[in-house]
Amino acid sequence: MRGLTHRAVDEAAGLPQGSTSNVARTRQALLELAVRRLAEREARVLALHELPDPRTGGLDSVVDALALATHRALTRNRELTLARYELALEATRRPELRTYFDAAGARFREQLGALVGALGSTTPERHVLSLVAWADGLMFSCVAGTFHTRVPGLEEVRAGLRELLEGMTGAGKPVV
C-alpha cells in the first residue's frame, strides 16, 4: 500500500505528473478510486452477469461457472486478487474506506444470495457467508498464504464448490 501514490499512478499510466492529483486530490480519494476500479475489474473477471439461471441449468451449470471464476482469480488474475486483499486490510485501518469496500462486496453478495436461493437454500444469507468464506480462504491461501506454490486445478475447485453447494442446498442429490 505504501507504493500506491499519486506519482506512482501517473508513472504506471504514462500520464504527466499531477494528472492523478487532478482526479483524486487526497490519498483517501485515491484509495476510493482504487476500490471502485478493483470492483469493476473483479466484476468482469467473476462475470456474475453471465452466471446461468440455476432453475434451468441446475447445480452443474452454477458449479462450473463459479469454479471458472474462482480459478481465474487464482491464476490469470492473481495480482487483482492480491490487490483486493491489500485494499481489504487498508479498509480495516481506514473506516472511511470501509464504506466503499463494503458497498462493492454487497453487490456481489446480493447476486450470490439470489443464486443460492434459486438452488434451494433456505438461509441464503448464511450460505453466502459460508460460500464467500470458503472462496476467500482458498484464494488467500493460494495467493498470499501457505499454499501460494500449489494452486488447485479447475477440477479441484469445481469439486470443492460442488461439495459446499450440495451441502448447503441439497441440490444435485437424488430424492429418496
Protein backbone atom coordinates (compact mmCIF):
# COMPACT_ATOMS: atom_id res chain seq x y z
CA MET A 1 0.00 0.00 0.00
CA ARG A 2 2.92 2.33 0.57
CA GLY A 3 3.67 2.18 -3.14
CA LEU A 4 0.22 3.48 -4.09
CA THR A 5 0.89 7.17 -4.57
CA HIS A 6 -0.35 9.79 -6.98
CA ARG A 7 3.08 9.91 -8.59
CA ALA A 8 3.27 6.11 -8.95
CA VAL A 9 -0.16 6.02 -10.62
CA ASP A 10 0.88 8.78 -13.02
CA GLU A 11 4.03 6.87 -13.94
CA ALA A 12 2.30 3.50 -14.32
CA ALA A 13 -0.41 5.03 -16.51
CA GLY A 14 2.06 7.04 -18.57
CA LEU A 15 0.41 10.31 -17.56
CA PRO A 16 2.06 13.66 -16.92
CA GLN A 17 2.94 14.28 -13.28
CA GLY A 18 -0.03 15.70 -11.39
CA SER A 19 -2.71 14.08 -13.54
CA THR A 20 -3.89 11.71 -10.84
CA SER A 21 -3.96 14.56 -8.30
CA ASN A 22 -6.44 16.37 -10.53
CA VAL A 23 -8.88 13.48 -10.22
CA ALA A 24 -8.12 12.34 -6.66
CA ARG A 25 -6.81 15.20 -4.53
CA THR A 26 -6.14 13.17 -1.36
CA ARG A 27 -4.82 9.73 -0.51
CA GLN A 28 -8.33 8.82 0.66
CA ALA A 29 -9.76 9.79 -2.72
CA LEU A 30 -7.06 7.76 -4.46
CA LEU A 31 -7.90 4.70 -2.33
CA GLU A 32 -11.61 5.12 -3.05
CA LEU A 33 -10.87 5.18 -6.77
CA ALA A 34 -8.73 2.09 -6.39
CA VAL A 35 -11.58 0.24 -4.65
CA ARG A 36 -14.07 1.28 -7.32
CA ARG A 37 -11.72 0.24 -10.11
CA LEU A 38 -10.99 -3.05 -8.38
CA ALA A 39 -14.72 -3.76 -8.11
CA GLU A 40 -15.18 -3.06 -11.83
CA ARG A 41 -12.31 -5.32 -12.81
CA GLU A 42 -13.36 -8.12 -10.47
CA ALA A 43 -16.92 -7.94 -11.79
CA ARG A 44 -15.56 -8.62 -15.28
CA VAL A 45 -13.35 -11.47 -14.04
CA LEU A 46 -16.11 -13.09 -12.00
CA ALA A 47 -18.63 -12.47 -14.79
CA LEU A 48 -21.57 -12.75 -12.41
CA HIS A 49 -23.80 -11.28 -15.10
CA GLU A 50 -23.06 -14.41 -17.14
CA LEU A 51 -23.96 -16.89 -14.41
CA PRO A 52 -26.52 -19.39 -15.60
CA ASP A 53 -30.02 -19.46 -14.18
CA PRO A 54 -29.94 -22.34 -11.69
CA ARG A 55 -33.62 -23.03 -12.33
CA THR A 56 -32.81 -24.03 -15.90
CA GLY A 57 -29.13 -25.01 -15.78
CA GLY A 58 -29.18 -26.69 -12.38
CA LEU A 59 -26.35 -27.16 -9.94
CA ASP A 60 -23.83 -28.30 -12.55
CA SER A 61 -24.02 -25.07 -14.53
CA VAL A 62 -23.62 -22.95 -11.39
CA VAL A 63 -20.69 -25.01 -10.10
CA ASP A 64 -18.97 -24.79 -13.48
CA ALA A 65 -19.38 -21.01 -13.69
CA LEU A 66 -18.29 -20.32 -10.10
CA ALA A 67 -15.36 -22.72 -10.38
CA LEU A 68 -14.14 -21.00 -13.54
CA ALA A 69 -14.44 -17.56 -11.93
CA THR A 70 -12.61 -18.70 -8.79
CA HIS A 71 -9.90 -20.42 -10.79
CA ARG A 72 -9.40 -17.26 -12.88
CA ALA A 73 -8.89 -15.30 -9.65
CA LEU A 74 -6.21 -17.81 -8.62
CA THR A 75 -4.35 -17.91 -11.92
CA ARG A 76 -4.79 -15.32 -14.66
CA ASN A 77 -5.93 -12.61 -12.23
CA ARG A 78 -3.74 -13.39 -9.25
CA GLU A 79 -2.49 -9.78 -8.96
CA LEU A 80 -6.06 -8.50 -8.89
CA THR A 81 -6.91 -10.90 -6.07
CA LEU A 82 -3.84 -9.79 -4.15
CA ALA A 83 -4.84 -6.14 -4.66
CA ARG A 84 -8.25 -6.92 -3.14
CA TYR A 85 -6.60 -8.31 -0.02
CA GLU A 86 -4.32 -5.29 0.21
CA LEU A 87 -7.30 -2.94 -0.01
CA ALA A 88 -9.31 -5.03 2.45
CA LEU A 89 -6.52 -4.71 5.00
CA GLU A 90 -6.27 -0.98 4.35
CA ALA A 91 -10.03 -0.69 4.92
CA THR A 92 -9.54 -2.14 8.42
CA ARG A 93 -7.28 0.81 9.20
CA ARG A 94 -9.41 3.45 7.46
CA PRO A 95 -13.08 3.33 8.40
CA GLU A 96 -13.85 5.91 5.69
CA LEU A 97 -12.54 3.43 3.09
CA ARG A 98 -14.53 0.57 4.63
CA THR A 99 -17.76 2.10 3.29
CA TYR A 100 -16.57 1.88 -0.31
CA PHE A 101 -15.10 -1.58 0.12
CA ASP A 102 -18.27 -2.95 1.75
CA ALA A 103 -20.55 -1.44 -0.90
CA ALA A 104 -18.61 -3.20 -3.65
CA GLY A 105 -18.85 -6.50 -1.79
CA ALA A 106 -22.58 -6.08 -1.09
CA ARG A 107 -23.44 -6.12 -4.80
CA PHE A 108 -21.56 -9.38 -5.22
CA ARG A 109 -23.16 -10.94 -2.12
CA GLU A 110 -26.66 -9.99 -3.31
CA GLN A 111 -26.11 -11.82 -6.58
CA LEU A 112 -24.77 -14.87 -4.77
CA GLY A 113 -27.76 -14.79 -2.41
CA ALA A 114 -30.16 -14.92 -5.33
CA LEU A 115 -28.14 -17.75 -6.83
CA VAL A 116 -28.06 -19.98 -3.73
CA GLY A 117 -31.71 -19.16 -3.07
CA ALA A 118 -32.61 -20.39 -6.55
CA LEU A 119 -30.63 -23.56 -5.85
CA GLY A 120 -32.84 -24.23 -2.84
CA SER A 121 -31.09 -22.59 0.10
CA THR A 122 -33.47 -21.90 2.96
CA THR A 123 -30.99 -19.47 4.54
CA PRO A 124 -29.27 -17.68 1.63
CA GLU A 125 -27.58 -15.01 3.76
CA ARG A 126 -25.88 -17.60 5.95
CA HIS A 127 -24.97 -19.73 2.95
CA VAL A 128 -23.49 -16.73 1.12
CA LEU A 129 -21.27 -16.08 4.14
CA SER A 130 -20.06 -19.69 4.03
CA LEU A 131 -19.55 -19.63 0.27
CA VAL A 132 -17.60 -16.36 0.34
CA ALA A 133 -15.56 -17.52 3.35
CA TRP A 134 -14.66 -20.73 1.51
CA ALA A 135 -13.69 -18.93 -1.70
CA ASP A 136 -11.81 -16.14 0.11
CA GLY A 137 -9.97 -18.68 2.24
CA LEU A 138 -8.96 -20.66 -0.82
CA MET A 139 -7.88 -17.56 -2.72
CA PHE A 140 -5.96 -16.04 0.17
CA SER A 141 -4.16 -19.33 0.89
CA CYS A 142 -3.18 -19.74 -2.75
CA VAL A 143 -2.28 -16.11 -3.48
CA ALA A 144 -0.62 -14.98 -0.25
CA GLY A 145 -0.74 -17.85 2.21
CA THR A 146 0.85 -21.20 2.76
CA PHE A 147 -0.47 -22.72 -0.47
CA HIS A 148 0.96 -19.99 -2.73
CA THR A 149 3.11 -22.56 -4.54
CA ARG A 150 0.26 -25.00 -5.07
CA VAL A 151 -2.76 -23.55 -6.81
CA PRO A 152 -5.52 -26.13 -7.24
CA GLY A 153 -6.62 -27.03 -10.72
CA LEU A 154 -10.03 -26.19 -12.10
CA GLU A 155 -11.37 -29.67 -11.33
CA GLU A 156 -10.29 -29.39 -7.68
CA VAL A 157 -12.02 -26.03 -7.33
CA ARG A 158 -15.11 -27.46 -9.03
CA ALA A 159 -15.18 -30.44 -6.63
CA GLY A 160 -14.89 -28.19 -3.59
CA LEU A 161 -17.68 -25.92 -4.77
CA ARG A 162 -19.92 -28.87 -5.59
CA GLU A 163 -19.46 -30.32 -2.10
CA LEU A 164 -20.16 -26.98 -0.50
CA LEU A 165 -23.23 -26.11 -2.58
CA GLU A 166 -24.72 -29.59 -2.33
CA GLY A 167 -24.30 -29.50 1.43
CA MET A 168 -25.97 -26.08 1.67
CA THR A 169 -28.83 -26.59 -0.70
CA GLY A 170 -29.34 -30.32 -1.15
CA ALA A 171 -29.25 -29.61 -4.89
CA GLY A 172 -27.97 -32.39 -7.07
CA LYS A 173 -28.80 -35.11 -4.55
CA PRO A 174 -31.30 -37.77 -5.53
CA VAL A 175 -34.67 -37.55 -3.79
CA VAL A 176 -35.32 -40.73 -1.79
